[in-house]
PDB file of N, CA and C in Angstrom:
ATOM      1  N   MET A   1       4.510  -1.409  12.060  1.00  0.00           N
ATOM      2  CA  MET A   1       5.892  -1.104  11.816  1.00  0.00           C
ATOM      3  C   MET A   1       6.775  -1.626  12.938  1.00  0.00           C
ATOM      4  N   SER A   2       6.250  -1.627  14.156  1.00  0.00           N
ATOM      5  CA  SER A   2       7.076  -2.128  15.259  1.00  0.00           C
ATOM      6  C   SER A   2       7.424  -3.590  15.029  1.00  0.00           C
ATOM      7  N   ARG A   3       6.491  -4.354  14.440  1.00  0.00           N
ATOM      8  CA  ARG A   3       6.770  -5.764  14.146  1.00  0.00           C
ATOM      9  C   ARG A   3       7.955  -5.882  13.199  1.00  0.00           C
ATOM     10  N   LEU A   4       8.039  -5.010  12.214  1.00  0.00           N
ATOM     11  CA  LEU A   4       9.139  -5.016  11.260  1.00  0.00           C
ATOM     12  C   LEU A   4      10.454  -4.674  11.967  1.00  0.00           C
ATOM     13  N   HIS A   5      10.445  -3.651  12.796  1.00  0.00           N
ATOM     14  CA  HIS A   5      11.664  -3.241  13.491  1.00  0.00           C
ATOM     15  C   HIS A   5      12.151  -4.316  14.461  1.00  0.00           C
ATOM     16  N   ILE A   6      11.235  -4.890  15.207  1.00  0.00           N
ATOM     17  CA  ILE A   6      11.619  -5.953  16.138  1.00  0.00           C
ATOM     18  C   ILE A   6      12.204  -7.134  15.373  1.00  0.00           C
ATOM     19  N   GLY A   7      11.583  -7.494  14.277  1.00  0.00           N
ATOM     20  CA  GLY A   7      12.062  -8.611  13.473  1.00  0.00           C
ATOM     21  C   GLY A   7      13.433  -8.372  12.874  1.00  0.00           C
ATOM     22  N   MET A   8      13.772  -7.104  12.642  1.00  0.00           N
ATOM     23  CA  MET A   8      15.074  -6.804  12.053  1.00  0.00           C
ATOM     24  C   MET A   8      16.179  -6.796  13.099  1.00  0.00           C
ATOM     25  N   THR A   9      15.813  -6.621  14.359  1.00  0.00           N
ATOM     26  CA  THR A   9      16.835  -6.507  15.387  1.00  0.00           C
ATOM     27  C   THR A   9      16.895  -7.716  16.317  1.00  0.00           C
ATOM     28  N   ALA A  10      15.990  -8.661  16.158  1.00  0.00           N
ATOM     29  CA  ALA A  10      15.959  -9.832  17.044  1.00  0.00           C
ATOM     30  C   ALA A  10      17.216 -10.679  16.845  1.00  0.00           C
ATOM     31  N   GLY A  11      17.682 -11.296  17.920  1.00  0.00           N
ATOM     32  CA  GLY A  11      18.838 -12.186  17.833  1.00  0.00           C
ATOM     33  C   GLY A  11      18.383 -13.542  17.320  1.00  0.00           C
ATOM     34  N   LEU A  12      18.583 -13.811  16.056  1.00  0.00           N
ATOM     35  CA  LEU A  12      18.094 -15.036  15.426  1.00  0.00           C
ATOM     36  C   LEU A  12      19.253 -15.836  14.847  1.00  0.00           C
ATOM     37  N   GLY A  13      19.066 -17.139  14.799  1.00  0.00           N
ATOM     38  CA  GLY A  13      20.011 -17.996  14.095  1.00  0.00           C
ATOM     39  C   GLY A  13      19.786 -17.872  12.600  1.00  0.00           C
ATOM     40  N   GLU A  14      20.566 -18.601  11.819  1.00  0.00           N
ATOM     41  CA  GLU A  14      20.473 -18.496  10.361  1.00  0.00           C
ATOM     42  C   GLU A  14      19.077 -18.834   9.835  1.00  0.00           C
ATOM     43  N   ALA A  15      18.500 -19.936  10.304  1.00  0.00           N
ATOM     44  CA  ALA A  15      17.164 -20.329   9.846  1.00  0.00           C
ATOM     45  C   ALA A  15      16.121 -19.304  10.272  1.00  0.00           C
ATOM     46  N   GLY A  16      16.233 -18.839  11.512  1.00  0.00           N
ATOM     47  CA  GLY A  16      15.306 -17.829  12.003  1.00  0.00           C
ATOM     48  C   GLY A  16      15.441 -16.518  11.254  1.00  0.00           C
ATOM     49  N   LEU A  17      16.681 -16.171  10.940  1.00  0.00           N
ATOM     50  CA  LEU A  17      16.935 -14.947  10.189  1.00  0.00           C
ATOM     51  C   LEU A  17      16.329 -15.030   8.786  1.00  0.00           C
ATOM     52  N   ASP A  18      16.489 -16.175   8.122  1.00  0.00           N
ATOM     53  CA  ASP A  18      15.902 -16.365   6.790  1.00  0.00           C
ATOM     54  C   ASP A  18      14.386 -16.238   6.844  1.00  0.00           C
ATOM     55  N   ALA A  19      13.773 -16.866   7.839  1.00  0.00           N
ATOM     56  CA  ALA A  19      12.317 -16.811   7.972  1.00  0.00           C
ATOM     57  C   ALA A  19      11.852 -15.392   8.269  1.00  0.00           C
ATOM     58  N   GLN A  20      12.574 -14.701   9.152  1.00  0.00           N
ATOM     59  CA  GLN A  20      12.193 -13.335   9.491  1.00  0.00           C
ATOM     60  C   GLN A  20      12.389 -12.395   8.310  1.00  0.00           C
ATOM     61  N   PHE A  21      13.461 -12.602   7.561  1.00  0.00           N
ATOM     62  CA  PHE A  21      13.695 -11.779   6.369  1.00  0.00           C
ATOM     63  C   PHE A  21      12.546 -11.954   5.374  1.00  0.00           C
ATOM     64  N   ALA A  22      12.125 -13.191   5.146  1.00  0.00           N
ATOM     65  CA  ALA A  22      11.012 -13.458   4.227  1.00  0.00           C
ATOM     66  C   ALA A  22       9.725 -12.799   4.730  1.00  0.00           C
ATOM     67  N   ALA A  23       9.481 -12.876   6.041  1.00  0.00           N
ATOM     68  CA  ALA A  23       8.288 -12.246   6.613  1.00  0.00           C
ATOM     69  C   ALA A  23       8.357 -10.724   6.468  1.00  0.00           C
ATOM     70  N   ASN A  24       9.540 -10.150   6.660  1.00  0.00           N
ATOM     71  CA  ASN A  24       9.699  -8.703   6.513  1.00  0.00           C
ATOM     72  C   ASN A  24       9.474  -8.258   5.069  1.00  0.00           C
ATOM     73  N   VAL A  25       9.999  -9.013   4.129  1.00  0.00           N
ATOM     74  CA  VAL A  25       9.789  -8.688   2.710  1.00  0.00           C
ATOM     75  C   VAL A  25       8.307  -8.728   2.385  1.00  0.00           C
ATOM     76  N   ARG A  26       7.617  -9.765   2.869  1.00  0.00           N
ATOM     77  CA  ARG A  26       6.182  -9.890   2.608  1.00  0.00           C
ATOM     78  C   ARG A  26       5.419  -8.722   3.214  1.00  0.00           C
ATOM     79  N   PHE A  27       5.803  -8.309   4.427  1.00  0.00           N
ATOM     80  CA  PHE A  27       5.149  -7.174   5.067  1.00  0.00           C
ATOM     81  C   PHE A  27       5.362  -5.893   4.257  1.00  0.00           C
ATOM     82  N   ILE A  28       6.575  -5.671   3.776  1.00  0.00           N
ATOM     83  CA  ILE A  28       6.867  -4.483   2.969  1.00  0.00           C
ATOM     84  C   ILE A  28       6.077  -4.532   1.653  1.00  0.00           C
ATOM     85  N   GLU A  29       5.944  -5.704   1.047  1.00  0.00           N
ATOM     86  CA  GLU A  29       5.124  -5.837  -0.162  1.00  0.00           C
ATOM     87  C   GLU A  29       3.665  -5.521   0.144  1.00  0.00           C
ATOM     88  N   HIS A  30       3.171  -6.002   1.271  1.00  0.00           N
ATOM     89  CA  HIS A  30       1.798  -5.739   1.702  1.00  0.00           C
ATOM     90  C   HIS A  30       1.579  -4.239   1.880  1.00  0.00           C
ATOM     91  N   LEU A  31       2.484  -3.587   2.582  1.00  0.00           N
ATOM     92  CA  LEU A  31       2.418  -2.150   2.817  1.00  0.00           C
ATOM     93  C   LEU A  31       2.499  -1.375   1.501  1.00  0.00           C
ATOM     94  N   SER A  32       3.381  -1.807   0.615  1.00  0.00           N
ATOM     95  CA  SER A  32       3.529  -1.154  -0.693  1.00  0.00           C
ATOM     96  C   SER A  32       2.262  -1.298  -1.521  1.00  0.00           C
ATOM     97  N   GLY A  33       1.673  -2.466  -1.485  1.00  0.00           N
ATOM     98  CA  GLY A  33       0.415  -2.688  -2.211  1.00  0.00           C
ATOM     99  C   GLY A  33      -0.695  -1.795  -1.698  1.00  0.00           C
ATOM    100  N   GLN A  34      -0.731  -1.593  -0.384  1.00  0.00           N
ATOM    101  CA  GLN A  34      -1.726  -0.690   0.194  1.00  0.00           C
ATOM    102  C   GLN A  34      -1.521   0.727  -0.334  1.00  0.00           C
ATOM    103  N   LEU A  35      -0.282   1.166  -0.390  1.00  0.00           N
ATOM    104  CA  LEU A  35       0.010   2.507  -0.886  1.00  0.00           C
ATOM    105  C   LEU A  35      -0.385   2.645  -2.357  1.00  0.00           C
ATOM    106  N   VAL A  36      -0.001   1.680  -3.181  1.00  0.00           N
ATOM    107  CA  VAL A  36      -0.332   1.729  -4.610  1.00  0.00           C
ATOM    108  C   VAL A  36      -1.843   1.774  -4.794  1.00  0.00           C
ATOM    109  N   LEU A  37      -2.566   0.903  -4.088  1.00  0.00           N
ATOM    110  CA  LEU A  37      -4.024   0.862  -4.226  1.00  0.00           C
ATOM    111  C   LEU A  37      -4.659   2.174  -3.785  1.00  0.00           C
ATOM    112  N   THR A  38      -4.176   2.749  -2.704  1.00  0.00           N
ATOM    113  CA  THR A  38      -4.717   4.018  -2.212  1.00  0.00           C
ATOM    114  C   THR A  38      -4.514   5.131  -3.234  1.00  0.00           C
ATOM    115  N   VAL A  39      -3.326   5.215  -3.785  1.00  0.00           N
ATOM    116  CA  VAL A  39      -3.053   6.260  -4.785  1.00  0.00           C
ATOM    117  C   VAL A  39      -3.910   6.042  -6.032  1.00  0.00           C
ATOM    118  N   LEU A  40      -4.029   4.802  -6.480  1.00  0.00           N
ATOM    119  CA  LEU A  40      -4.883   4.517  -7.641  1.00  0.00           C
ATOM    120  C   LEU A  40      -6.324   4.944  -7.377  1.00  0.00           C
ATOM    121  N   GLU A  41      -6.842   4.594  -6.212  1.00  0.00           N
ATOM    122  CA  GLU A  41      -8.216   4.973  -5.885  1.00  0.00           C
ATOM    123  C   GLU A  41      -8.387   6.482  -5.834  1.00  0.00           C
ATOM    124  N   GLU A  42      -7.398   7.173  -5.283  1.00  0.00           N
ATOM    125  CA  GLU A  42      -7.449   8.634  -5.230  1.00  0.00           C
ATOM    126  C   GLU A  42      -7.446   9.231  -6.638  1.00  0.00           C
ATOM    127  N   PHE A  43      -6.566   8.743  -7.490  1.00  0.00           N
ATOM    128  CA  PHE A  43      -6.481   9.265  -8.857  1.00  0.00           C
ATOM    129  C   PHE A  43      -7.753   8.942  -9.646  1.00  0.00           C
ATOM    130  N   GLU A  44      -8.267   7.750  -9.497  1.00  0.00           N
ATOM    131  CA  GLU A  44      -9.460   7.345 -10.252  1.00  0.00           C
ATOM    132  C   GLU A  44     -10.726   8.018  -9.741  1.00  0.00           C
ATOM    133  N   ALA A  45     -10.672   8.604  -8.561  1.00  0.00           N
ATOM    134  CA  ALA A  45     -11.819   9.330  -8.021  1.00  0.00           C
ATOM    135  C   ALA A  45     -11.954  10.718  -8.647  1.00  0.00           C
ATOM    136  N   GLU A  46     -11.026  11.076  -9.526  1.00  0.00           N
ATOM    137  CA  GLU A  46     -11.071  12.366 -10.215  1.00  0.00           C
ATOM    138  C   GLU A  46     -11.124  12.139 -11.722  1.00  0.00           C
ATOM    139  N   PRO A  47     -12.244  11.615 -12.230  1.00  0.00           N
ATOM    140  CA  PRO A  47     -12.315  11.295 -13.662  1.00  0.00           C
ATOM    141  C   PRO A  47     -12.199  12.517 -14.570  1.00  0.00           C
ATOM    142  N   TRP A  48     -12.414  13.711 -14.041  1.00  0.00           N
ATOM    143  CA  TRP A  48     -12.289  14.930 -14.830  1.00  0.00           C
ATOM    144  C   TRP A  48     -10.836  15.365 -15.010  1.00  0.00           C
ATOM    145  N   ASN A  49      -9.914  14.689 -14.334  1.00  0.00           N
ATOM    146  CA  ASN A  49      -8.498  15.050 -14.410  1.00  0.00           C
ATOM    147  C   ASN A  49      -7.796  14.070 -15.363  1.00  0.00           C
ATOM    148  N   PRO A  50      -7.555  14.481 -16.621  1.00  0.00           N
ATOM    149  CA  PRO A  50      -6.976  13.551 -17.588  1.00  0.00           C
ATOM    150  C   PRO A  50      -5.565  13.081 -17.229  1.00  0.00           C
ATOM    151  N   ALA A  51      -4.773  13.918 -16.584  1.00  0.00           N
ATOM    152  CA  ALA A  51      -3.412  13.508 -16.218  1.00  0.00           C
ATOM    153  C   ALA A  51      -3.452  12.384 -15.178  1.00  0.00           C
ATOM    154  N   LYS A  52      -4.289  12.536 -14.177  1.00  0.00           N
ATOM    155  CA  LYS A  52      -4.409  11.485 -13.158  1.00  0.00           C
ATOM    156  C   LYS A  52      -5.023  10.217 -13.738  1.00  0.00           C
ATOM    157  N   ARG A  53      -6.009  10.381 -14.590  1.00  0.00           N
ATOM    158  CA  ARG A  53      -6.645   9.226 -15.229  1.00  0.00           C
ATOM    159  C   ARG A  53      -5.622   8.448 -16.061  1.00  0.00           C
ATOM    160  N   GLU A  54      -4.794   9.140 -16.809  1.00  0.00           N
ATOM    161  CA  GLU A  54      -3.776   8.490 -17.636  1.00  0.00           C
ATOM    162  C   GLU A  54      -2.697   7.838 -16.774  1.00  0.00           C
ATOM    163  N   GLN A  55      -2.291   8.514 -15.702  1.00  0.00           N
ATOM    164  CA  GLN A  55      -1.280   7.922 -14.822  1.00  0.00           C
ATOM    165  C   GLN A  55      -1.816   6.659 -14.168  1.00  0.00           C
ATOM    166  N   ALA A  56      -3.053   6.674 -13.708  1.00  0.00           N
ATOM    167  CA  ALA A  56      -3.661   5.483 -13.107  1.00  0.00           C
ATOM    168  C   ALA A  56      -3.723   4.347 -14.126  1.00  0.00           C
ATOM    169  N   ARG A  57      -4.047   4.667 -15.366  1.00  0.00           N
ATOM    170  CA  ARG A  57      -4.094   3.648 -16.416  1.00  0.00           C
ATOM    171  C   ARG A  57      -2.715   3.014 -16.610  1.00  0.00           C
ATOM    172  N   ARG A  58      -1.675   3.857 -16.636  1.00  0.00           N
ATOM    173  CA  ARG A  58      -0.310   3.322 -16.802  1.00  0.00           C
ATOM    174  C   ARG A  58       0.101   2.461 -15.613  1.00  0.00           C
ATOM    175  N   TRP A  59      -0.222   2.907 -14.407  1.00  0.00           N
ATOM    176  CA  TRP A  59       0.130   2.116 -13.229  1.00  0.00           C
ATOM    177  C   TRP A  59      -0.621   0.780 -13.209  1.00  0.00           C
ATOM    178  N   ARG A  60      -1.880   0.791 -13.610  1.00  0.00           N
ATOM    179  CA  ARG A  60      -2.644  -0.467 -13.651  1.00  0.00           C
ATOM    180  C   ARG A  60      -2.070  -1.429 -14.692  1.00  0.00           C
ATOM    181  N   ALA A  61      -1.385  -0.898 -15.687  1.00  0.00           N
ATOM    182  CA  ALA A  61      -0.755  -1.749 -16.713  1.00  0.00           C
ATOM    183  C   ALA A  61       0.614  -2.269 -16.263  1.00  0.00           C
ATOM    184  N   ASP A  62       1.105  -1.790 -15.147  1.00  0.00           N
ATOM    185  CA  ASP A  62       2.415  -2.197 -14.624  1.00  0.00           C
ATOM    186  C   ASP A  62       2.233  -3.448 -13.760  1.00  0.00           C
ATOM    187  N   GLN A  63       2.694  -4.578 -14.257  1.00  0.00           N
ATOM    188  CA  GLN A  63       2.472  -5.850 -13.561  1.00  0.00           C
ATOM    189  C   GLN A  63       3.112  -5.891 -12.178  1.00  0.00           C
ATOM    190  N   ALA A  64       4.261  -5.282 -12.014  1.00  0.00           N
ATOM    191  CA  ALA A  64       4.920  -5.282 -10.703  1.00  0.00           C
ATOM    192  C   ALA A  64       4.064  -4.543  -9.667  1.00  0.00           C
ATOM    193  N   LEU A  65       3.489  -3.407 -10.047  1.00  0.00           N
ATOM    194  CA  LEU A  65       2.623  -2.677  -9.128  1.00  0.00           C
ATOM    195  C   LEU A  65       1.359  -3.468  -8.809  1.00  0.00           C
ATOM    196  N   MET A  66       0.786  -4.098  -9.826  1.00  0.00           N
ATOM    197  CA  MET A  66      -0.440  -4.870  -9.607  1.00  0.00           C
ATOM    198  C   MET A  66      -0.171  -6.125  -8.774  1.00  0.00           C
ATOM    199  N   ASP A  67       1.033  -6.675  -8.877  1.00  0.00           N
ATOM    200  CA  ASP A  67       1.411  -7.802  -8.008  1.00  0.00           C
ATOM    201  C   ASP A  67       1.412  -7.357  -6.544  1.00  0.00           C
ATOM    202  N   LEU A  68       1.909  -6.150  -6.273  1.00  0.00           N
ATOM    203  CA  LEU A  68       1.891  -5.624  -4.912  1.00  0.00           C
ATOM    204  C   LEU A  68       0.464  -5.411  -4.416  1.00  0.00           C
ATOM    205  N   VAL A  69      -0.390  -4.900  -5.285  1.00  0.00           N
ATOM    206  CA  VAL A  69      -1.800  -4.716  -4.917  1.00  0.00           C
ATOM    207  C   VAL A  69      -2.433  -6.072  -4.610  1.00  0.00           C
ATOM    208  N   ASP A  70      -2.146  -7.077  -5.431  1.00  0.00           N
ATOM    209  CA  ASP A  70      -2.691  -8.426  -5.191  1.00  0.00           C
ATOM    210  C   ASP A  70      -2.240  -8.972  -3.838  1.00  0.00           C
ATOM    211  N   ILE A  71      -0.975  -8.763  -3.497  1.00  0.00           N
ATOM    212  CA  ILE A  71      -0.470  -9.213  -2.193  1.00  0.00           C
ATOM    213  C   ILE A  71      -1.237  -8.507  -1.077  1.00  0.00           C
ATOM    214  N   HIS A  72      -1.407  -7.212  -1.211  1.00  0.00           N
ATOM    215  CA  HIS A  72      -2.152  -6.450  -0.195  1.00  0.00           C
ATOM    216  C   HIS A  72      -3.579  -6.981  -0.053  1.00  0.00           C
ATOM    217  N   LEU A  73      -4.247  -7.201  -1.173  1.00  0.00           N
ATOM    218  CA  LEU A  73      -5.635  -7.672  -1.116  1.00  0.00           C
ATOM    219  C   LEU A  73      -5.739  -9.053  -0.471  1.00  0.00           C
ATOM    220  N   ARG A  74      -4.766  -9.918  -0.736  1.00  0.00           N
ATOM    221  CA  ARG A  74      -4.771 -11.256  -0.116  1.00  0.00           C
ATOM    222  C   ARG A  74      -4.446 -11.195   1.369  1.00  0.00           C
ATOM    223  N   GLU A  75      -3.542 -10.305   1.754  1.00  0.00           N
ATOM    224  CA  GLU A  75      -3.042 -10.261   3.125  1.00  0.00           C
ATOM    225  C   GLU A  75      -3.895  -9.418   4.070  1.00  0.00           C
ATOM    226  N   ARG A  76      -4.719  -8.532   3.549  1.00  0.00           N
ATOM    227  CA  ARG A  76      -5.370  -7.560   4.434  1.00  0.00           C
ATOM    228  C   ARG A  76      -6.368  -8.169   5.401  1.00  0.00           C
ATOM    229  N   GLU A  77      -6.955  -9.307   5.077  1.00  0.00           N
ATOM    230  CA  GLU A  77      -7.867  -9.964   6.027  1.00  0.00           C
ATOM    231  C   GLU A  77      -7.087 -10.530   7.210  1.00  0.00           C
ATOM    232  N   ALA A  78      -6.029 -11.276   6.903  1.00  0.00           N
ATOM    233  CA  ALA A  78      -5.238 -11.935   7.949  1.00  0.00           C
ATOM    234  C   ALA A  78      -4.344 -10.940   8.688  1.00  0.00           C
ATOM    235  N   THR A  79      -3.851  -9.937   7.975  1.00  0.00           N
ATOM    236  CA  THR A  79      -2.941  -8.959   8.564  1.00  0.00           C
ATOM    237  C   THR A  79      -3.410  -7.556   8.190  1.00  0.00           C
ATOM    238  N   PRO A  80      -4.443  -7.076   8.866  1.00  0.00           N
ATOM    239  CA  PRO A  80      -4.954  -5.746   8.510  1.00  0.00           C
ATOM    240  C   PRO A  80      -3.931  -4.655   8.823  1.00  0.00           C
ATOM    241  N   LEU A  81      -3.899  -3.656   7.972  1.00  0.00           N
ATOM    242  CA  LEU A  81      -3.015  -2.503   8.153  1.00  0.00           C
ATOM    243  C   LEU A  81      -3.873  -1.252   8.295  1.00  0.00           C
ATOM    244  N   THR A  82      -3.495  -0.379   9.189  1.00  0.00           N
ATOM    245  CA  THR A  82      -4.174   0.905   9.253  1.00  0.00           C
ATOM    246  C   THR A  82      -3.764   1.727   8.036  1.00  0.00           C
ATOM    247  N   ASP A  83      -4.667   2.553   7.569  1.00  0.00           N
ATOM    248  CA  ASP A  83      -4.316   3.422   6.448  1.00  0.00           C
ATOM    249  C   ASP A  83      -4.066   4.852   6.925  1.00  0.00           C
ATOM    250  N   ARG A  84      -3.959   5.046   8.220  1.00  0.00           N
ATOM    251  CA  ARG A  84      -3.743   6.393   8.764  1.00  0.00           C
ATOM    252  C   ARG A  84      -2.402   6.979   8.371  1.00  0.00           C
ATOM    253  N   TRP A  85      -1.454   6.150   7.982  1.00  0.00           N
ATOM    254  CA  TRP A  85      -0.123   6.655   7.629  1.00  0.00           C
ATOM    255  C   TRP A  85      -0.100   7.260   6.236  1.00  0.00           C
ATOM    256  N   ILE A  86      -1.168   7.068   5.450  1.00  0.00           N
ATOM    257  CA  ILE A  86      -1.216   7.587   4.079  1.00  0.00           C
ATOM    258  C   ILE A  86      -2.109   8.829   4.060  1.00  0.00           C
ATOM    259  N   ARG A  87      -1.541   9.970   3.735  1.00  0.00           N
ATOM    260  CA  ARG A  87      -2.312  11.207   3.619  1.00  0.00           C
ATOM    261  C   ARG A  87      -2.018  11.834   2.268  1.00  0.00           C
ATOM    262  N   LEU A  88      -3.064  11.985   1.470  1.00  0.00           N
ATOM    263  CA  LEU A  88      -2.889  12.549   0.136  1.00  0.00           C
ATOM    264  C   LEU A  88      -3.509  13.932   0.000  1.00  0.00           C
ATOM    265  N   ARG A  89      -4.282  14.363   1.001  1.00  0.00           N
ATOM    266  CA  ARG A  89      -4.903  15.669   0.937  1.00  0.00           C
ATOM    267  C   ARG A  89      -5.179  16.158   2.364  1.00  0.00           C
ATOM    268  N   PRO A  90      -5.386  17.444   2.529  1.00  0.00           N
ATOM    269  CA  PRO A  90      -5.664  17.981   3.862  1.00  0.00           C
ATOM    270  C   PRO A  90      -6.960  17.409   4.438  1.00  0.00           C
ATOM    271  N   ALA A  91      -7.033  17.342   5.757  1.00  0.00           N
ATOM    272  CA  ALA A  91      -8.240  16.873   6.428  1.00  0.00           C
ATOM    273  C   ALA A  91      -9.417  17.734   6.004  1.00  0.00           C
ATOM    274  N   GLY A  92     -10.551  17.091   5.793  1.00  0.00           N
ATOM    275  CA  GLY A  92     -11.760  17.818   5.409  1.00  0.00           C
ATOM    276  C   GLY A  92     -11.953  17.900   3.906  1.00  0.00           C
ATOM    277  N   GLU A  93     -10.915  17.733   3.134  1.00  0.00           N
ATOM    278  CA  GLU A  93     -11.025  17.754   1.684  1.00  0.00           C
ATOM    279  C   GLU A  93     -11.390  16.357   1.204  1.00  0.00           C
ATOM    280  N   THR A  94     -12.282  16.268   0.232  1.00  0.00           N
ATOM    281  CA  THR A  94     -12.724  14.963  -0.234  1.00  0.00           C
ATOM    282  C   THR A  94     -12.338  14.738  -1.684  1.00  0.00           C
ATOM    283  N   VAL A  95     -12.516  13.505  -2.082  1.00  0.00           N
ATOM    284  CA  VAL A  95     -12.265  13.101  -3.459  1.00  0.00           C
ATOM    285  C   VAL A  95     -13.602  12.980  -4.155  1.00  0.00           C
ATOM    286  N   GLY A  96     -13.676  13.394  -5.389  1.00  0.00           N
ATOM    287  CA  GLY A  96     -14.856  13.129  -6.203  1.00  0.00           C
ATOM    288  C   GLY A  96     -15.809  14.297  -6.298  1.00  0.00           C
ATOM    289  N   THR A  97     -16.549  14.592  -5.230  1.00  0.00           N
ATOM    290  CA  THR A  97     -17.621  15.565  -5.321  1.00  0.00           C
ATOM    291  C   THR A  97     -17.169  16.992  -5.063  1.00  0.00           C
ATOM    292  N   GLY A  98     -16.046  17.156  -4.397  1.00  0.00           N
ATOM    293  CA  GLY A  98     -15.602  18.495  -4.050  1.00  0.00           C
ATOM    294  C   GLY A  98     -16.248  19.014  -2.784  1.00  0.00           C
ATOM    295  N   GLU A  99     -17.154  18.240  -2.177  1.00  0.00           N
ATOM    296  CA  GLU A  99     -17.809  18.634  -0.935  1.00  0.00           C
ATOM    297  C   GLU A  99     -17.007  18.109   0.250  1.00  0.00           C
ATOM    298  N   ALA A 100     -16.973  18.877   1.314  1.00  0.00           N
ATOM    299  CA  ALA A 100     -16.291  18.420   2.532  1.00  0.00           C
ATOM    300  C   ALA A 100     -17.053  17.257   3.148  1.00  0.00           C
ATOM    301  N   ARG A 101     -16.315  16.344   3.750  1.00  0.00           N
ATOM    302  CA  ARG A 101     -16.947  15.199   4.423  1.00  0.00           C
ATOM    303  C   ARG A 101     -17.496  15.610   5.762  1.00  0.00           C
TER     304      ARG A 101
END
């Protein structure tokens, strides 16, 4: 995130500003794709929950969301992101088996 903030406040000329804006948009798409993928994985880890299963199905059918996931999957090797900023459940609670990790 610091890279995004620095890029938004740097003193840049027009060409530099255009390039930085494009890089910032790509970073936000990458981050958004990570969030979408994480939520999908969380929802799909509960196959006994029909509401979550149906919502995941609808989101997977949404091309805009899947485009963000594709960007994340392509970018994560070159620009890895920590997933510590995403919390969907209390520490110690797990997905799937109901057993604590």
